[in-house]
PDB file of N, CA and C in Angstrom:
ATOM      1  N   MET A   1     -33.026 136.065 160.040  1.00  0.00           N
ATOM      2  CA  MET A   1     -32.151 137.053 159.441  1.00  0.00           C
ATOM      3  C   MET A   1     -32.967 138.276 159.053  1.00  0.00           C
ATOM      4  N   GLN A   2     -32.456 139.441 159.385  1.00  0.00           N
ATOM      5  CA  GLN A   2     -33.127 140.684 159.028  1.00  0.00           C
ATOM      6  C   GLN A   2     -32.437 141.277 157.803  1.00  0.00           C
ATOM      7  N   ASN A   3     -33.238 141.730 156.878  1.00  0.00           N
ATOM      8  CA  ASN A   3     -32.701 142.311 155.651  1.00  0.00           C
ATOM      9  C   ASN A   3     -32.867 143.821 155.675  1.00  0.00           C
ATOM     10  N   ALA A   4     -31.979 144.511 154.998  1.00  0.00           N
ATOM     11  CA  ALA A   4     -32.075 145.962 154.845  1.00  0.00           C
ATOM     12  C   ALA A   4     -32.313 146.269 153.372  1.00  0.00           C
ATOM     13  N   LEU A   5     -33.280 147.124 153.126  1.00  0.00           N
ATOM     14  CA  LEU A   5     -33.625 147.491 151.760  1.00  0.00           C
ATOM     15  C   LEU A   5     -33.845 148.997 151.725  1.00  0.00           C
ATOM     16  N   THR A   6     -33.127 149.686 150.864  1.00  0.00           N
ATOM     17  CA  THR A   6     -33.275 151.137 150.771  1.00  0.00           C
ATOM     18  C   THR A   6     -33.480 151.553 149.317  1.00  0.00           C
ATOM     19  N   PHE A   7     -34.158 152.684 149.165  1.00  0.00           N
ATOM     20  CA  PHE A   7     -34.396 153.259 147.841  1.00  0.00           C
ATOM     21  C   PHE A   7     -34.142 154.756 147.903  1.00  0.00           C
ATOM     22  N   ASP A   8     -33.555 155.297 146.852  1.00  0.00           N
ATOM     23  CA  ASP A   8     -33.440 156.739 146.697  1.00  0.00           C
ATOM     24  C   ASP A   8     -34.632 157.205 145.875  1.00  0.00           C
ATOM     25  N   VAL A   9     -35.323 158.204 146.371  1.00  0.00           N
ATOM     26  CA  VAL A   9     -36.484 158.748 145.667  1.00  0.00           C
ATOM     27  C   VAL A   9     -36.063 160.083 145.067  1.00  0.00           C
ATOM     28  N   GLU A  10     -35.883 160.067 143.772  1.00  0.00           N
ATOM     29  CA  GLU A  10     -35.452 161.256 143.051  1.00  0.00           C
ATOM     30  C   GLU A  10     -35.962 161.165 141.620  1.00  0.00           C
ATOM     31  N   GLU A  11     -35.980 162.290 140.947  1.00  0.00           N
ATOM     32  CA  GLU A  11     -36.422 162.318 139.559  1.00  0.00           C
ATOM     33  C   GLU A  11     -35.320 161.797 138.635  1.00  0.00           C
ATOM     34  N   TYR A  12     -35.729 161.326 137.479  1.00  0.00           N
ATOM     35  CA  TYR A  12     -34.780 160.812 136.491  1.00  0.00           C
ATOM     36  C   TYR A  12     -33.784 161.879 136.054  1.00  0.00           C
ATOM     37  N   PHE A  13     -34.196 163.140 136.079  1.00  0.00           N
ATOM     38  CA  PHE A  13     -33.322 164.216 135.627  1.00  0.00           C
ATOM     39  C   PHE A  13     -32.384 164.707 136.721  1.00  0.00           C
ATOM     40  N   HIS A  14     -32.443 164.119 137.896  1.00  0.00           N
ATOM     41  CA  HIS A  14     -31.517 164.473 138.968  1.00  0.00           C
ATOM     42  C   HIS A  14     -30.168 163.773 138.840  1.00  0.00           C
ATOM     43  N   VAL A  15     -30.070 162.803 137.971  1.00  0.00           N
ATOM     44  CA  VAL A  15     -28.827 162.032 137.857  1.00  0.00           C
ATOM     45  C   VAL A  15     -27.693 162.906 137.318  1.00  0.00           C
ATOM     46  N   GLU A  16     -26.513 162.590 137.751  1.00  0.00           N
ATOM     47  CA  GLU A  16     -25.329 163.369 137.387  1.00  0.00           C
ATOM     48  C   GLU A  16     -25.100 163.413 135.876  1.00  0.00           C
ATOM     49  N   ALA A  17     -25.532 162.396 135.157  1.00  0.00           N
ATOM     50  CA  ALA A  17     -25.327 162.343 133.706  1.00  0.00           C
ATOM     51  C   ALA A  17     -25.996 163.512 132.973  1.00  0.00           C
ATOM     52  N   PHE A  18     -27.038 164.109 133.569  1.00  0.00           N
ATOM     53  CA  PHE A  18     -27.732 165.233 132.933  1.00  0.00           C
ATOM     54  C   PHE A  18     -27.139 166.588 133.305  1.00  0.00           C
ATOM     55  N   ARG A  19     -26.144 166.598 134.187  1.00  0.00           N
ATOM     56  CA  ARG A  19     -25.593 167.851 134.694  1.00  0.00           C
ATOM     57  C   ARG A  19     -25.181 168.811 133.572  1.00  0.00           C
ATOM     58  N   GLY A  20     -24.549 168.338 132.543  1.00  0.00           N
ATOM     59  CA  GLY A  20     -24.101 169.206 131.457  1.00  0.00           C
ATOM     60  C   GLY A  20     -25.204 169.661 130.525  1.00  0.00           C
ATOM     61  N   PHE A  21     -26.380 169.063 130.641  1.00  0.00           N
ATOM     62  CA  PHE A  21     -27.480 169.360 129.724  1.00  0.00           C
ATOM     63  C   PHE A  21     -28.622 170.134 130.373  1.00  0.00           C
ATOM     64  N   LEU A  22     -28.790 169.968 131.671  1.00  0.00           N
ATOM     65  CA  LEU A  22     -29.897 170.606 132.391  1.00  0.00           C
ATOM     66  C   LEU A  22     -29.378 171.274 133.656  1.00  0.00           C
ATOM     67  N   SER A  23     -29.883 172.443 133.937  1.00  0.00           N
ATOM     68  CA  SER A  23     -29.586 173.062 135.234  1.00  0.00           C
ATOM     69  C   SER A  23     -30.781 172.820 136.147  1.00  0.00           C
ATOM     70  N   HIS A  24     -30.585 172.994 137.444  1.00  0.00           N
ATOM     71  CA  HIS A  24     -31.716 172.739 138.344  1.00  0.00           C
ATOM     72  C   HIS A  24     -32.850 173.731 138.124  1.00  0.00           C
ATOM     73  N   GLU A  25     -32.586 174.845 137.467  1.00  0.00           N
ATOM     74  CA  GLU A  25     -33.661 175.782 137.124  1.00  0.00           C
ATOM     75  C   GLU A  25     -34.610 175.186 136.082  1.00  0.00           C
ATOM     76  N   ASP A  26     -34.134 174.221 135.302  1.00  0.00           N
ATOM     77  CA  ASP A  26     -34.957 173.569 134.279  1.00  0.00           C
ATOM     78  C   ASP A  26     -35.886 172.501 134.851  1.00  0.00           C
ATOM     79  N   TRP A  27     -35.563 171.989 136.020  1.00  0.00           N
ATOM     80  CA  TRP A  27     -36.254 170.818 136.557  1.00  0.00           C
ATOM     81  C   TRP A  27     -37.763 170.985 136.668  1.00  0.00           C
ATOM     82  N   SER A  28     -38.220 172.141 137.098  1.00  0.00           N
ATOM     83  CA  SER A  28     -39.666 172.343 137.303  1.00  0.00           C
ATOM     84  C   SER A  28     -40.463 172.262 136.006  1.00  0.00           C
ATOM     85  N   ARG A  29     -39.804 172.423 134.878  1.00  0.00           N
ATOM     86  CA  ARG A  29     -40.494 172.371 133.584  1.00  0.00           C
ATOM     87  C   ARG A  29     -40.554 170.962 133.007  1.00  0.00           C
ATOM     88  N   LEU A  30     -39.847 170.029 133.609  1.00  0.00           N
ATOM     89  CA  LEU A  30     -39.785 168.664 133.079  1.00  0.00           C
ATOM     90  C   LEU A  30     -40.887 167.793 133.669  1.00  0.00           C
ATOM     91  N   PRO A  31     -41.374 166.821 132.903  1.00  0.00           N
ATOM     92  CA  PRO A  31     -42.426 165.935 133.433  1.00  0.00           C
ATOM     93  C   PRO A  31     -41.883 165.067 134.566  1.00  0.00           C
ATOM     94  N   SER A  32     -42.680 164.946 135.601  1.00  0.00           N
ATOM     95  CA  SER A  32     -42.297 164.144 136.766  1.00  0.00           C
ATOM     96  C   SER A  32     -42.644 162.679 136.534  1.00  0.00           C
ATOM     97  N   ARG A  33     -41.751 161.800 136.945  1.00  0.00           N
ATOM     98  CA  ARG A  33     -42.009 160.360 136.885  1.00  0.00           C
ATOM     99  C   ARG A  33     -41.932 159.724 138.263  1.00  0.00           C
ATOM    100  N   VAL A  34     -41.514 160.494 139.254  1.00  0.00           N
ATOM    101  CA  VAL A  34     -41.228 159.921 140.571  1.00  0.00           C
ATOM    102  C   VAL A  34     -42.483 159.390 141.264  1.00  0.00           C
ATOM    103  N   GLU A  35     -43.609 160.048 141.109  1.00  0.00           N
ATOM    104  CA  GLU A  35     -44.824 159.610 141.799  1.00  0.00           C
ATOM    105  C   GLU A  35     -45.276 158.241 141.299  1.00  0.00           C
ATOM    106  N   ALA A  36     -45.397 158.088 140.004  1.00  0.00           N
ATOM    107  CA  ALA A  36     -45.873 156.814 139.442  1.00  0.00           C
ATOM    108  C   ALA A  36     -44.915 155.673 139.758  1.00  0.00           C
ATOM    109  N   SER A  37     -43.623 155.906 139.595  1.00  0.00           N
ATOM    110  CA  SER A  37     -42.666 154.819 139.835  1.00  0.00           C
ATOM    111  C   SER A  37     -42.583 154.461 141.313  1.00  0.00           C
ATOM    112  N   THR A  38     -42.687 155.449 142.194  1.00  0.00           N
ATOM    113  CA  THR A  38     -42.642 155.159 143.632  1.00  0.00           C
ATOM    114  C   THR A  38     -43.899 154.424 144.072  1.00  0.00           C
ATOM    115  N   ARG A  39     -45.052 154.807 143.565  1.00  0.00           N
ATOM    116  CA  ARG A  39     -46.288 154.092 143.921  1.00  0.00           C
ATOM    117  C   ARG A  39     -46.240 152.648 143.426  1.00  0.00           C
ATOM    118  N   GLN A  40     -45.690 152.430 142.270  1.00  0.00           N
ATOM    119  CA  GLN A  40     -45.538 151.072 141.741  1.00  0.00           C
ATOM    120  C   GLN A  40     -44.632 150.253 142.670  1.00  0.00           C
ATOM    121  N   LEU A  41     -43.572 150.852 143.119  1.00  0.00           N
ATOM    122  CA  LEU A  41     -42.662 150.192 144.050  1.00  0.00           C
ATOM    123  C   LEU A  41     -43.351 149.917 145.387  1.00  0.00           C
ATOM    124  N   LEU A  42     -44.113 150.880 145.893  1.00  0.00           N
ATOM    125  CA  LEU A  42     -44.852 150.684 147.148  1.00  0.00           C
ATOM    126  C   LEU A  42     -45.834 149.523 147.032  1.00  0.00           C
ATOM    127  N   ASP A  43     -46.531 149.435 145.914  1.00  0.00           N
ATOM    128  CA  ASP A  43     -47.469 148.328 145.703  1.00  0.00           C
ATOM    129  C   ASP A  43     -46.742 146.984 145.697  1.00  0.00           C
ATOM    130  N   LEU A  44     -45.593 146.937 145.058  1.00  0.00           N
ATOM    131  CA  LEU A  44     -44.805 145.705 145.020  1.00  0.00           C
ATOM    132  C   LEU A  44     -44.349 145.300 146.425  1.00  0.00           C
ATOM    133  N   LEU A  45     -43.882 146.260 147.197  1.00  0.00           N
ATOM    134  CA  LEU A  45     -43.452 145.972 148.567  1.00  0.00           C
ATOM    135  C   LEU A  45     -44.628 145.515 149.422  1.00  0.00           C
ATOM    136  N   ASP A  46     -45.781 146.164 149.268  1.00  0.00           N
ATOM    137  CA  ASP A  46     -46.988 145.738 149.992  1.00  0.00           C
ATOM    138  C   ASP A  46     -47.343 144.297 149.651  1.00  0.00           C
ATOM    139  N   HIS A  47     -47.297 143.976 148.386  1.00  0.00           N
ATOM    140  CA  HIS A  47     -47.649 142.632 147.926  1.00  0.00           C
ATOM    141  C   HIS A  47     -46.781 141.566 148.600  1.00  0.00           C
ATOM    142  N   HIS A  48     -45.520 141.888 148.801  1.00  0.00           N
ATOM    143  CA  HIS A  48     -44.587 140.930 149.406  1.00  0.00           C
ATOM    144  C   HIS A  48     -44.410 141.142 150.913  1.00  0.00           C
ATOM    145  N   ARG A  49     -45.182 142.077 151.467  1.00  0.00           N
ATOM    146  CA  ARG A  49     -45.129 142.385 152.904  1.00  0.00           C
ATOM    147  C   ARG A  49     -43.712 142.718 153.367  1.00  0.00           C
ATOM    148  N   VAL A  50     -43.087 143.592 152.619  1.00  0.00           N
ATOM    149  CA  VAL A  50     -41.717 144.019 152.896  1.00  0.00           C
ATOM    150  C   VAL A  50     -41.723 145.523 153.161  1.00  0.00           C
ATOM    151  N   THR A  51     -40.950 145.942 154.140  1.00  0.00           N
ATOM    152  CA  THR A  51     -40.782 147.373 154.381  1.00  0.00           C
ATOM    153  C   THR A  51     -39.350 147.765 154.039  1.00  0.00           C
ATOM    154  N   ALA A  52     -39.174 149.048 153.790  1.00  0.00           N
ATOM    155  CA  ALA A  52     -37.873 149.553 153.364  1.00  0.00           C
ATOM    156  C   ALA A  52     -37.681 150.965 153.902  1.00  0.00           C
ATOM    157  N   THR A  53     -36.506 151.481 153.680  1.00  0.00           N
ATOM    158  CA  THR A  53     -36.204 152.879 153.972  1.00  0.00           C
ATOM    159  C   THR A  53     -36.134 153.624 152.645  1.00  0.00           C
ATOM    160  N   PHE A  54     -36.850 154.738 152.571  1.00  0.00           N
ATOM    161  CA  PHE A  54     -36.873 155.570 151.372  1.00  0.00           C
ATOM    162  C   PHE A  54     -36.136 156.875 151.670  1.00  0.00           C
ATOM    163  N   PHE A  55     -35.040 157.100 150.970  1.00  0.00           N
ATOM    164  CA  PHE A  55     -34.287 158.338 151.102  1.00  0.00           C
ATOM    165  C   PHE A  55     -34.777 159.295 150.020  1.00  0.00           C
ATOM    166  N   VAL A  56     -35.486 160.332 150.455  1.00  0.00           N
ATOM    167  CA  VAL A  56     -36.149 161.255 149.533  1.00  0.00           C
ATOM    168  C   VAL A  56     -35.309 162.525 149.379  1.00  0.00           C
ATOM    169  N   VAL A  57     -35.045 162.902 148.142  1.00  0.00           N
ATOM    170  CA  VAL A  57     -34.372 164.171 147.866  1.00  0.00           C
ATOM    171  C   VAL A  57     -35.309 165.298 148.292  1.00  0.00           C
ATOM    172  N   GLY A  58     -34.772 166.293 148.978  1.00  0.00           N
ATOM    173  CA  GLY A  58     -35.585 167.408 149.469  1.00  0.00           C
ATOM    174  C   GLY A  58     -36.374 168.102 148.379  1.00  0.00           C
ATOM    175  N   TRP A  59     -35.790 168.241 147.203  1.00  0.00           N
ATOM    176  CA  TRP A  59     -36.480 168.872 146.082  1.00  0.00           C
ATOM    177  C   TRP A  59     -37.771 168.122 145.768  1.00  0.00           C
ATOM    178  N   VAL A  60     -37.716 166.790 145.814  1.00  0.00           N
ATOM    179  CA  VAL A  60     -38.905 165.966 145.564  1.00  0.00           C
ATOM    180  C   VAL A  60     -39.886 166.107 146.724  1.00  0.00           C
ATOM    181  N   ALA A  61     -39.387 166.054 147.945  1.00  0.00           N
ATOM    182  CA  ALA A  61     -40.258 166.136 149.126  1.00  0.00           C
ATOM    183  C   ALA A  61     -41.069 167.429 149.135  1.00  0.00           C
ATOM    184  N   GLU A  62     -40.473 168.526 148.706  1.00  0.00           N
ATOM    185  CA  GLU A  62     -41.188 169.805 148.653  1.00  0.00           C
ATOM    186  C   GLU A  62     -42.335 169.777 147.650  1.00  0.00           C
ATOM    187  N   ARG A  63     -42.170 169.052 146.568  1.00  0.00           N
ATOM    188  CA  ARG A  63     -43.156 169.051 145.484  1.00  0.00           C
ATOM    189  C   ARG A  63     -44.119 167.867 145.530  1.00  0.00           C
ATOM    190  N   GLN A  64     -43.767 166.844 146.276  1.00  0.00           N
ATOM    191  CA  GLN A  64     -44.573 165.616 146.318  1.00  0.00           C
ATOM    192  C   GLN A  64     -44.915 165.249 147.762  1.00  0.00           C
ATOM    193  N   ARG A  65     -45.382 166.212 148.526  1.00  0.00           N
ATOM    194  CA  ARG A  65     -45.679 165.969 149.947  1.00  0.00           C
ATOM    195  C   ARG A  65     -46.655 164.817 150.168  1.00  0.00           C
ATOM    196  N   PRO A  66     -47.727 164.699 149.388  1.00  0.00           N
ATOM    197  CA  PRO A  66     -48.626 163.546 149.592  1.00  0.00           C
ATOM    198  C   PRO A  66     -47.917 162.207 149.382  1.00  0.00           C
ATOM    199  N   LEU A  67     -46.987 162.149 148.455  1.00  0.00           N
ATOM    200  CA  LEU A  67     -46.245 160.919 148.214  1.00  0.00           C
ATOM    201  C   LEU A  67     -45.367 160.573 149.415  1.00  0.00           C
ATOM    202  N   VAL A  68     -44.710 161.562 149.987  1.00  0.00           N
ATOM    203  CA  VAL A  68     -43.875 161.331 151.174  1.00  0.00           C
ATOM    204  C   VAL A  68     -44.738 160.829 152.327  1.00  0.00           C
ATOM    205  N   ARG A  69     -45.906 161.433 152.509  1.00  0.00           N
ATOM    206  CA  ARG A  69     -46.824 160.972 153.564  1.00  0.00           C
ATOM    207  C   ARG A  69     -47.284 159.534 153.307  1.00  0.00           C
ATOM    208  N   GLU A  70     -47.528 159.205 152.050  1.00  0.00           N
ATOM    209  CA  GLU A  70     -47.966 157.854 151.707  1.00  0.00           C
ATOM    210  C   GLU A  70     -46.876 156.820 152.006  1.00  0.00           C
ATOM    211  N   ILE A  71     -45.644 157.150 151.715  1.00  0.00           N
ATOM    212  CA  ILE A  71     -44.536 156.235 152.022  1.00  0.00           C
ATOM    213  C   ILE A  71     -44.554 155.904 153.512  1.00  0.00           C
ATOM    214  N   GLN A  72     -44.670 156.926 154.333  1.00  0.00           N
ATOM    215  CA  GLN A  72     -44.696 156.726 155.789  1.00  0.00           C
ATOM    216  C   GLN A  72     -45.951 155.978 156.222  1.00  0.00           C
ATOM    217  N   ALA A  73     -47.092 156.323 155.652  1.00  0.00           N
ATOM    218  CA  ALA A  73     -48.359 155.691 156.034  1.00  0.00           C
ATOM    219  C   ALA A  73     -48.380 154.205 155.703  1.00  0.00           C
ATOM    220  N   ARG A  74     -47.625 153.803 154.712  1.00  0.00           N
ATOM    221  CA  ARG A  74     -47.564 152.384 154.345  1.00  0.00           C
ATOM    222  C   ARG A  74     -46.540 151.619 155.185  1.00  0.00           C
ATOM    223  N   GLY A  75     -45.987 152.279 156.181  1.00  0.00           N
ATOM    224  CA  GLY A  75     -45.127 151.592 157.139  1.00  0.00           C
ATOM    225  C   GLY A  75     -43.645 151.615 156.848  1.00  0.00           C
ATOM    226  N   HIS A  76     -43.233 152.464 155.932  1.00  0.00           N
ATOM    227  CA  HIS A  76     -41.820 152.525 155.575  1.00  0.00           C
ATOM    228  C   HIS A  76     -41.128 153.653 156.331  1.00  0.00           C
ATOM    229  N   GLU A  77     -39.823 153.522 156.453  1.00  0.00           N
ATOM    230  CA  GLU A  77     -39.007 154.539 157.102  1.00  0.00           C
ATOM    231  C   GLU A  77     -38.610 155.582 156.065  1.00  0.00           C
ATOM    232  N   LEU A  78     -38.535 156.843 156.507  1.00  0.00           N
ATOM    233  CA  LEU A  78     -38.116 157.934 155.632  1.00  0.00           C
ATOM    234  C   LEU A  78     -36.744 158.435 156.054  1.00  0.00           C
ATOM    235  N   GLY A  79     -35.950 158.783 155.069  1.00  0.00           N
ATOM    236  CA  GLY A  79     -34.656 159.399 155.314  1.00  0.00           C
ATOM    237  C   GLY A  79     -34.453 160.528 154.321  1.00  0.00           C
ATOM    238  N   CYS A  80     -33.568 161.438 154.664  1.00  0.00           N
ATOM    239  CA  CYS A  80     -33.269 162.573 153.790  1.00  0.00           C
ATOM    240  C   CYS A  80     -32.069 162.235 152.912  1.00  0.00           C
ATOM    241  N   HIS A  81     -32.188 162.539 151.650  1.00  0.00           N
ATOM    242  CA  HIS A  81     -31.133 162.279 150.669  1.00  0.00           C
ATOM    243  C   HIS A  81     -30.544 163.606 150.191  1.00  0.00           C
ATOM    244  N   GLY A  82     -30.501 164.587 151.078  1.00  0.00           N
ATOM    245  CA  GLY A  82     -30.035 165.918 150.707  1.00  0.00           C
ATOM    246  C   GLY A  82     -31.141 166.697 150.021  1.00  0.00           C
ATOM    247  N   HIS A  83     -30.846 167.924 149.649  1.00  0.00           N
ATOM    248  CA  HIS A  83     -31.863 168.734 148.977  1.00  0.00           C
ATOM    249  C   HIS A  83     -31.698 168.688 147.463  1.00  0.00           C
ATOM    250  N   LEU A  84     -30.511 168.906 146.995  1.00  0.00           N
ATOM    251  CA  LEU A  84     -30.190 168.845 145.568  1.00  0.00           C
ATOM    252  C   LEU A  84     -28.917 168.023 145.423  1.00  0.00           C
ATOM    253  N   HIS A  85     -28.714 167.472 144.266  1.00  0.00           N
ATOM    254  CA  HIS A  85     -27.436 166.816 143.993  1.00  0.00           C
ATOM    255  C   HIS A  85     -26.470 167.885 143.497  1.00  0.00           C
ATOM    256  N   ARG A  86     -25.511 168.199 144.321  1.00  0.00           N
ATOM    257  CA  ARG A  86     -24.483 169.158 143.914  1.00  0.00           C
ATOM    258  C   ARG A  86     -23.117 168.549 144.185  1.00  0.00           C
ATOM    259  N   PRO A  87     -22.229 168.600 143.215  1.00  0.00           N
ATOM    260  CA  PRO A  87     -20.888 168.080 143.472  1.00  0.00           C
ATOM    261  C   PRO A  87     -20.171 168.936 144.515  1.00  0.00           C
ATOM    262  N   ILE A  88     -19.399 168.282 145.314  1.00  0.00           N
ATOM    263  CA  ILE A  88     -18.663 169.000 146.371  1.00  0.00           C
ATOM    264  C   ILE A  88     -17.219 169.152 145.943  1.00  0.00           C
TER     265      ILE A  88
END
Protein backbone atom coordinates (compact mmCIF):
# COMPACT_ATOMS: atom_id res chain seq x y z
CA MET A 1 0.00 0.00 0.00
CA GLN A 2 1.29 3.44 -0.91
CA ASN A 3 0.58 6.32 1.42
CA ALA A 4 0.25 10.01 0.58
CA LEU A 5 1.51 12.60 3.02
CA THR A 6 1.42 16.34 2.40
CA PHE A 7 2.35 19.43 4.38
CA ASP A 8 1.62 23.11 3.87
CA VAL A 9 4.69 25.24 4.51
CA GLU A 10 3.59 28.64 5.70
CA GLU A 11 4.18 31.00 8.59
CA TYR A 12 1.98 30.95 11.68
CA PHE A 13 0.79 34.47 10.85
CA HIS A 14 -0.50 33.40 7.43
CA VAL A 15 -3.57 31.75 8.96
CA GLU A 16 -6.93 33.30 8.26
CA ALA A 17 -7.55 33.88 11.99
CA PHE A 18 -4.98 36.73 11.94
CA ARG A 19 -6.56 38.48 8.95
CA GLY A 20 -8.33 41.11 11.08
CA PHE A 21 -5.22 41.82 13.15
CA LEU A 22 -2.35 41.76 10.65
CA SER A 23 -2.00 42.84 7.06
CA HIS A 24 0.49 41.18 4.74
CA GLU A 25 2.56 44.38 4.96
CA ASP A 26 3.21 43.47 8.62
CA TRP A 27 4.51 39.98 7.88
CA SER A 28 8.13 40.92 7.17
CA ARG A 29 8.44 42.44 10.66
CA LEU A 30 7.28 39.29 12.47
CA PRO A 31 9.64 36.55 13.68
CA SER A 32 9.78 33.56 11.37
CA ARG A 33 9.11 30.08 12.72
CA VAL A 34 8.79 28.20 9.44
CA GLU A 35 12.47 27.26 9.06
CA ALA A 36 12.88 25.64 12.47
CA SER A 37 9.57 23.79 12.37
CA THR A 38 10.10 22.54 8.81
CA ARG A 39 13.62 21.30 9.59
CA GLN A 40 12.26 19.48 12.63
CA LEU A 41 9.65 17.85 10.41
CA LEU A 42 12.28 16.93 7.79
CA ASP A 43 14.41 15.27 10.48
CA LEU A 44 11.41 13.27 11.69
CA LEU A 45 10.59 12.12 8.16
CA ASP A 46 14.24 11.17 7.56
CA HIS A 47 14.28 9.16 10.77
CA HIS A 48 11.29 7.13 9.60
CA ARG A 49 12.46 7.00 5.95
CA VAL A 50 9.27 8.63 4.74
CA THR A 51 8.91 11.12 1.91
CA ALA A 52 6.14 13.64 1.46
CA THR A 53 4.93 16.49 -0.69
CA PHE A 54 5.52 19.98 0.70
CA PHE A 55 3.23 22.72 -0.60
CA VAL A 56 5.16 25.95 -0.03
CA VAL A 57 3.49 29.36 0.01
CA GLY A 58 5.25 31.60 -2.52
CA TRP A 59 5.83 34.29 0.10
CA VAL A 60 7.83 31.75 2.14
CA ALA A 61 9.67 30.39 -0.92
CA GLU A 62 10.91 33.89 -1.79
CA ARG A 63 12.34 34.42 1.69
CA GLN A 64 13.48 30.89 2.55
CA ARG A 65 15.10 29.68 -0.68
CA PRO A 66 17.70 27.49 1.10
CA LEU A 67 14.89 25.76 2.99
CA VAL A 68 13.00 25.02 -0.24
CA ARG A 69 16.19 23.59 -1.76
CA GLU A 70 16.73 21.47 1.35
CA ILE A 71 13.23 20.00 1.13
CA GLN A 72 13.95 18.90 -2.43
CA ALA A 73 17.48 17.71 -1.62
CA ARG A 74 16.12 15.42 1.08
CA GLY A 75 14.01 13.65 -1.53
CA HIS A 76 10.64 15.28 -1.05
CA GLU A 77 8.29 16.61 -3.70
CA LEU A 78 7.58 20.34 -3.88
CA GLY A 79 4.28 21.95 -4.76
CA CYS A 80 3.05 25.52 -4.88
CA HIS A 81 0.48 26.62 -2.31
CA GLY A 82 -0.21 29.97 -3.97
CA HIS A 83 1.66 33.17 -3.23
CA LEU A 84 -0.44 34.74 -0.48
CA HIS A 85 -3.59 33.65 1.28
CA ARG A 86 -6.26 35.94 -0.07
CA PRO A 87 -9.97 35.29 0.15
CA ILE A 88 -11.67 35.03 -3.21
